[in-house]
N, C-alpha and C. Protein backbone atom coordinates (compact mmCIF):
# COMPACT_ATOMS: atom_id res chain seq x y z
N MET A 1 152.01 -147.28 37.91
CA MET A 1 152.05 -148.55 36.84
C MET A 1 152.69 -149.28 36.58
N GLN A 2 153.59 -148.85 36.10
CA GLN A 2 154.76 -149.54 35.48
C GLN A 2 154.93 -151.03 36.89
N ASN A 3 154.68 -150.81 37.85
CA ASN A 3 155.41 -151.75 38.31
C ASN A 3 153.85 -152.54 38.45
N LEU A 4 153.03 -152.49 38.73
CA LEU A 4 152.00 -153.35 38.59
C LEU A 4 152.13 -154.44 37.38
N LYS A 5 151.88 -153.78 36.63
CA LYS A 5 152.55 -154.25 35.35
C LYS A 5 153.54 -155.23 35.37
N MET A 6 154.77 -154.52 36.00
CA MET A 6 155.97 -155.65 36.63
C MET A 6 155.12 -156.96 37.45
N LEU A 7 154.89 -156.50 37.86
CA LEU A 7 153.86 -157.61 39.12
C LEU A 7 154.52 -158.60 38.75
N GLN A 8 152.63 -158.22 37.75
CA GLN A 8 151.69 -159.00 36.68
C GLN A 8 152.38 -159.99 36.12
N GLN A 9 153.61 -159.13 35.53
CA GLN A 9 154.72 -160.59 34.55
C GLN A 9 154.99 -161.15 35.45
N MET A 10 156.03 -160.83 36.59
CA MET A 10 155.97 -161.40 37.20
C MET A 10 155.42 -162.85 38.01
N GLN A 11 154.30 -162.50 38.84
CA GLN A 11 153.26 -163.38 39.06
C GLN A 11 153.27 -165.03 37.88
N GLU A 12 152.83 -164.00 36.77
CA GLU A 12 152.32 -164.79 35.33
C GLU A 12 153.75 -165.24 34.96
N ARG A 13 154.81 -165.41 35.12
CA ARG A 13 155.96 -166.45 34.57
C ARG A 13 156.80 -167.25 36.34
N LEU A 14 156.13 -166.84 37.87
CA LEU A 14 155.73 -167.70 38.48
C LEU A 14 154.62 -169.03 38.05
N ARG A 15 153.89 -168.32 37.81
CA ARG A 15 152.36 -169.92 38.14
C ARG A 15 153.54 -170.62 36.58
N LYS A 16 153.80 -170.42 35.32
CA LYS A 16 153.99 -171.28 35.15
C LYS A 16 155.49 -172.30 35.62
N ALA A 17 156.63 -171.66 36.39
CA ALA A 17 156.61 -172.24 36.47
C ALA A 17 156.42 -173.65 37.32
N GLN A 18 156.20 -172.62 38.70
CA GLN A 18 155.08 -174.02 39.48
C GLN A 18 154.35 -175.22 39.03
N GLU A 19 153.90 -174.51 37.43
CA GLU A 19 152.84 -175.84 36.24
C GLU A 19 154.30 -176.51 36.43
N GLU A 20 155.63 -175.87 35.34
CA GLU A 20 156.37 -176.71 34.26
C GLU A 20 157.52 -178.04 35.89
N LEU A 21 157.16 -177.16 36.94
CA LEU A 21 157.97 -178.37 38.04
C LEU A 21 157.41 -180.23 38.26
N GLY A 22 155.74 -179.73 37.34
CA GLY A 22 154.95 -180.97 38.19
C GLY A 22 155.20 -182.26 36.69
N ASN A 23 156.00 -181.61 35.29
CA ASN A 23 156.35 -182.00 34.29
C ASN A 23 158.02 -182.71 35.13
N GLU A 24 158.50 -181.82 35.87
CA GLU A 24 159.62 -182.52 36.14
C GLU A 24 159.92 -183.37 36.70
N VAL A 25 161.43 -184.38 37.51
CA VAL A 25 161.44 -185.43 37.74
C VAL A 25 162.90 -184.95 38.77
N VAL A 26 162.74 -186.15 39.85
CA VAL A 26 163.75 -186.07 40.36
C VAL A 26 163.30 -187.90 41.15
N GLU A 27 165.00 -188.25 41.19
CA GLU A 27 164.54 -189.32 42.01
C GLU A 27 165.68 -189.62 43.58
N GLY A 28 164.38 -190.39 44.12
CA GLY A 28 165.79 -190.90 45.69
C GLY A 28 165.83 -192.10 45.61
N THR A 29 167.39 -192.73 45.50
CA THR A 29 168.00 -193.58 46.33
C THR A 29 167.90 -193.87 47.41
N ALA A 30 168.32 -195.02 48.09
CA ALA A 30 168.85 -195.87 49.45
C ALA A 30 169.45 -197.19 49.47
N GLY A 31 170.11 -197.78 50.23
CA GLY A 31 170.47 -199.00 49.39
C GLY A 31 171.36 -199.43 48.20
N GLY A 32 172.12 -198.47 47.84
CA GLY A 32 172.92 -198.46 46.65
C GLY A 32 172.22 -198.47 45.68
N GLY A 33 171.00 -198.15 45.90
CA GLY A 33 169.42 -197.96 44.82
C GLY A 33 169.02 -199.24 44.74
N ALA A 34 168.93 -199.62 45.31
CA ALA A 34 167.71 -201.33 45.50
C ALA A 34 166.61 -200.67 45.50
N VAL A 35 166.62 -199.44 46.61
CA VAL A 35 164.85 -198.39 46.35
C VAL A 35 165.46 -197.47 45.65
N LYS A 36 164.51 -196.87 45.00
CA LYS A 36 164.01 -196.30 44.52
C LYS A 36 162.69 -195.67 43.56
N ILE A 37 162.80 -193.65 44.35
CA ILE A 37 161.00 -193.37 43.94
C ILE A 37 161.91 -192.34 43.53
N VAL A 38 160.43 -191.69 42.13
CA VAL A 38 160.19 -191.36 41.27
C VAL A 38 159.70 -190.04 41.42
N MET A 39 159.63 -189.55 41.94
CA MET A 39 159.14 -188.00 42.30
C MET A 39 158.89 -186.77 41.26
N THR A 40 157.71 -185.77 40.94
CA THR A 40 157.50 -184.33 40.43
C THR A 40 157.87 -184.03 41.34
N GLY A 41 157.98 -182.70 41.14
CA GLY A 41 158.62 -181.61 41.02
C GLY A 41 157.76 -180.76 41.94
N HIS A 42 156.31 -181.57 41.84
CA HIS A 42 155.33 -181.36 42.72
C HIS A 42 154.79 -182.44 44.08
N GLN A 43 155.48 -182.96 43.70
CA GLN A 43 156.09 -184.44 45.31
C GLN A 43 154.87 -185.01 44.98
N LYS A 44 154.68 -185.63 43.42
CA LYS A 44 153.53 -187.19 43.71
C LYS A 44 155.02 -188.04 43.36
N VAL A 45 154.73 -188.67 43.76
CA VAL A 45 155.37 -189.81 44.16
C VAL A 45 155.18 -191.03 42.54
N GLN A 46 156.07 -191.27 41.66
CA GLN A 46 155.13 -190.89 39.92
C GLN A 46 155.40 -193.06 40.34
N SER A 47 157.42 -193.83 40.97
CA SER A 47 157.17 -194.94 40.74
C SER A 47 158.07 -195.05 41.62
N VAL A 48 157.75 -196.78 42.13
CA VAL A 48 158.65 -197.01 43.82
C VAL A 48 158.77 -198.85 43.02
N THR A 49 160.62 -198.54 42.89
CA THR A 49 161.55 -199.92 42.33
C THR A 49 161.63 -200.02 43.57
N ILE A 50 161.13 -201.95 44.04
CA ILE A 50 162.62 -202.10 44.84
C ILE A 50 162.95 -203.20 44.12
N ASP A 51 164.38 -203.90 44.66
CA ASP A 51 165.40 -204.43 43.93
C ASP A 51 164.36 -205.91 44.87
N PRO A 52 163.91 -207.07 44.19
CA PRO A 52 163.23 -208.23 45.21
C PRO A 52 164.65 -208.86 46.06
N GLU A 53 166.42 -208.47 45.19
CA GLU A 53 167.10 -209.04 46.04
C GLU A 53 167.05 -208.24 48.49
N VAL A 54 166.87 -207.10 48.56
CA VAL A 54 166.38 -206.96 49.77
C VAL A 54 165.18 -207.10 50.33
N VAL A 55 164.55 -207.73 49.65
CA VAL A 55 163.02 -207.60 50.36
C VAL A 55 163.32 -209.05 51.03
N ASP A 56 163.35 -208.68 52.29
CA ASP A 56 163.56 -210.58 53.34
C ASP A 56 162.82 -210.31 54.57
N PRO A 57 161.74 -211.02 54.19
CA PRO A 57 161.08 -211.22 55.37
C PRO A 57 161.05 -210.71 56.99
N GLN A 58 162.28 -211.62 56.69
CA GLN A 58 162.84 -211.27 58.71
C GLN A 58 163.09 -210.24 59.08
N ASP A 59 163.20 -209.02 58.09
CA ASP A 59 164.27 -208.38 58.11
C ASP A 59 162.65 -206.99 57.00
N VAL A 60 161.75 -206.73 57.40
CA VAL A 60 160.86 -205.59 57.10
C VAL A 60 161.19 -204.40 57.77
N GLU A 61 161.88 -204.34 58.61
CA GLU A 61 161.95 -202.99 58.75
C GLU A 61 163.19 -202.18 58.12
N MET A 62 164.10 -203.37 58.03
CA MET A 62 165.36 -202.68 57.37
C MET A 62 164.73 -202.06 55.87
N LEU A 63 164.08 -202.98 55.62
CA LEU A 63 163.87 -202.36 54.05
C LEU A 63 162.79 -201.36 53.90
N GLN A 64 161.74 -200.55 55.10
CA GLN A 64 160.52 -200.24 55.29
C GLN A 64 161.71 -198.84 55.63
N ASP A 65 162.75 -198.65 56.11
CA ASP A 65 164.18 -197.63 56.58
C ASP A 65 164.56 -197.33 55.24
N LEU A 66 164.87 -197.91 53.79
CA LEU A 66 165.12 -198.03 52.67
C LEU A 66 163.68 -196.96 52.49
N VAL A 67 163.03 -197.84 51.69
CA VAL A 67 162.11 -196.88 51.47
C VAL A 67 161.64 -194.77 51.59
N THR A 68 161.15 -194.94 53.30
CA THR A 68 162.12 -193.64 54.23
C THR A 68 162.80 -193.09 53.29
N ALA A 69 163.65 -193.73 53.85
CA ALA A 69 165.79 -193.11 53.14
C ALA A 69 165.37 -192.35 51.75
N ALA A 70 165.64 -193.26 50.41
CA ALA A 70 164.60 -192.78 48.77
C ALA A 70 163.32 -191.90 49.45
N ILE A 71 162.54 -192.02 49.65
CA ILE A 71 161.60 -190.60 49.89
C ILE A 71 161.62 -189.56 50.39
N ASN A 72 162.20 -189.80 51.47
CA ASN A 72 163.13 -188.56 51.97
C ASN A 72 163.89 -188.03 50.66
N GLU A 73 165.43 -188.78 50.94
CA GLU A 73 166.20 -188.16 49.30
C GLU A 73 165.05 -187.23 48.22
N ALA A 74 164.06 -187.99 47.91
CA ALA A 74 163.74 -187.08 46.23
C ALA A 74 162.95 -186.23 46.54
N VAL A 75 162.13 -186.11 47.66
CA VAL A 75 161.43 -184.63 48.93
C VAL A 75 162.30 -183.44 48.93
N GLY A 76 163.82 -183.51 48.95
CA GLY A 76 165.08 -183.18 49.54
C GLY A 76 165.17 -182.41 47.71
N LYS A 77 164.96 -183.72 46.96
CA LYS A 77 165.93 -183.32 45.57
C LYS A 77 164.33 -182.31 44.68
N SER A 78 163.75 -182.74 44.92
CA SER A 78 162.47 -181.95 44.52
C SER A 78 162.10 -180.48 45.42
N HIS A 79 162.15 -180.14 46.21
CA HIS A 79 162.19 -179.21 47.46
C HIS A 79 163.90 -178.61 46.51
N GLU A 80 165.10 -178.68 46.10
CA GLU A 80 165.80 -178.78 45.52
C GLU A 80 165.82 -177.55 44.00
N LEU A 81 165.49 -178.37 43.24
CA LEU A 81 164.84 -177.61 42.12
C LEU A 81 163.79 -177.00 42.14
N ALA A 82 163.16 -176.67 42.76
CA ALA A 82 161.86 -175.63 43.15
C ALA A 82 162.14 -175.09 43.26
N GLY A 83 163.08 -174.50 44.57
CA GLY A 83 164.12 -173.31 44.96
C GLY A 83 164.83 -173.29 43.97
N LYS A 84 165.65 -173.53 43.15
CA LYS A 84 166.40 -173.18 41.26
C LYS A 84 165.63 -172.81 40.61
N ARG A 85 164.50 -173.83 40.18
CA ARG A 85 163.25 -172.11 38.90
C ARG A 85 163.06 -171.50 39.51
N LEU A 86 162.44 -171.99 40.90
CA LEU A 86 161.49 -170.23 41.24
C LEU A 86 162.41 -169.89 41.73
N GLY A 87 163.64 -169.62 42.83
CA GLY A 87 164.43 -168.34 43.19
C GLY A 87 165.38 -167.35 42.35
N ALA A 88 165.36 -168.21 41.15
CA ALA A 88 165.20 -167.54 39.91
C ALA A 88 165.03 -166.80 38.94
N LEU A 89 163.49 -167.09 39.37
CA LEU A 89 162.42 -166.12 38.91
C LEU A 89 162.34 -164.56 40.54
N THR A 90 162.22 -165.12 41.53
CA THR A 90 162.53 -164.93 42.32
C THR A 90 163.35 -163.22 43.30
N GLY A 91 164.32 -163.85 42.51
CA GLY A 91 165.47 -163.14 42.37
C GLY A 91 166.06 -163.86 44.44
N GLY A 92 165.47 -164.65 44.79
CA GLY A 92 165.90 -165.46 46.15
C GLY A 92 164.78 -164.64 47.21
N MET A 93 164.03 -163.75 46.89
CA MET A 93 162.84 -163.66 47.68
C MET A 93 162.76 -164.93 48.02
N LYS A 94 161.79 -164.74 49.00
CA LYS A 94 161.57 -166.13 49.80
C LYS A 94 159.59 -165.59 50.07
N ILE A 95 158.99 -165.94 49.15
CA ILE A 95 157.10 -165.59 48.90
C ILE A 95 157.20 -167.06 49.78
N PRO A 96 155.83 -166.97 50.37
CA PRO A 96 155.29 -167.85 51.87
C PRO A 96 154.56 -168.49 49.85
N GLY A 97 154.65 -170.16 50.41
CA GLY A 97 153.68 -170.46 49.15
C GLY A 97 154.18 -170.79 47.92
N LEU A 98 155.61 -170.59 48.05
CA LEU A 98 155.94 -170.61 45.98
C LEU A 98 157.31 -171.79 46.88
N MET A 99 158.04 -171.72 48.06
CA MET A 99 159.11 -173.33 48.48
C MET A 99 158.87 -173.49 49.40
């Protein structure tokens, strides 16, 4: 019975930690900060900032690459943040659906 209570407490702490991830933000940048993506710990993009100097109608592909790189960096940081927050609670165990 004690194990069940401990499991329920751990589940509640994990649920709360997952919820709190939505309130935390990470930032991904590319092109020396010319493109910036702000994303929550739930991987919801909050904002995209593009320096007007990198907007070149003759080179749209470069801008697309910068946006892609910034998004990928933000997603990576979001995964890292989730791993730190949730991993501390699970003792490093990989629990499907959490990370």
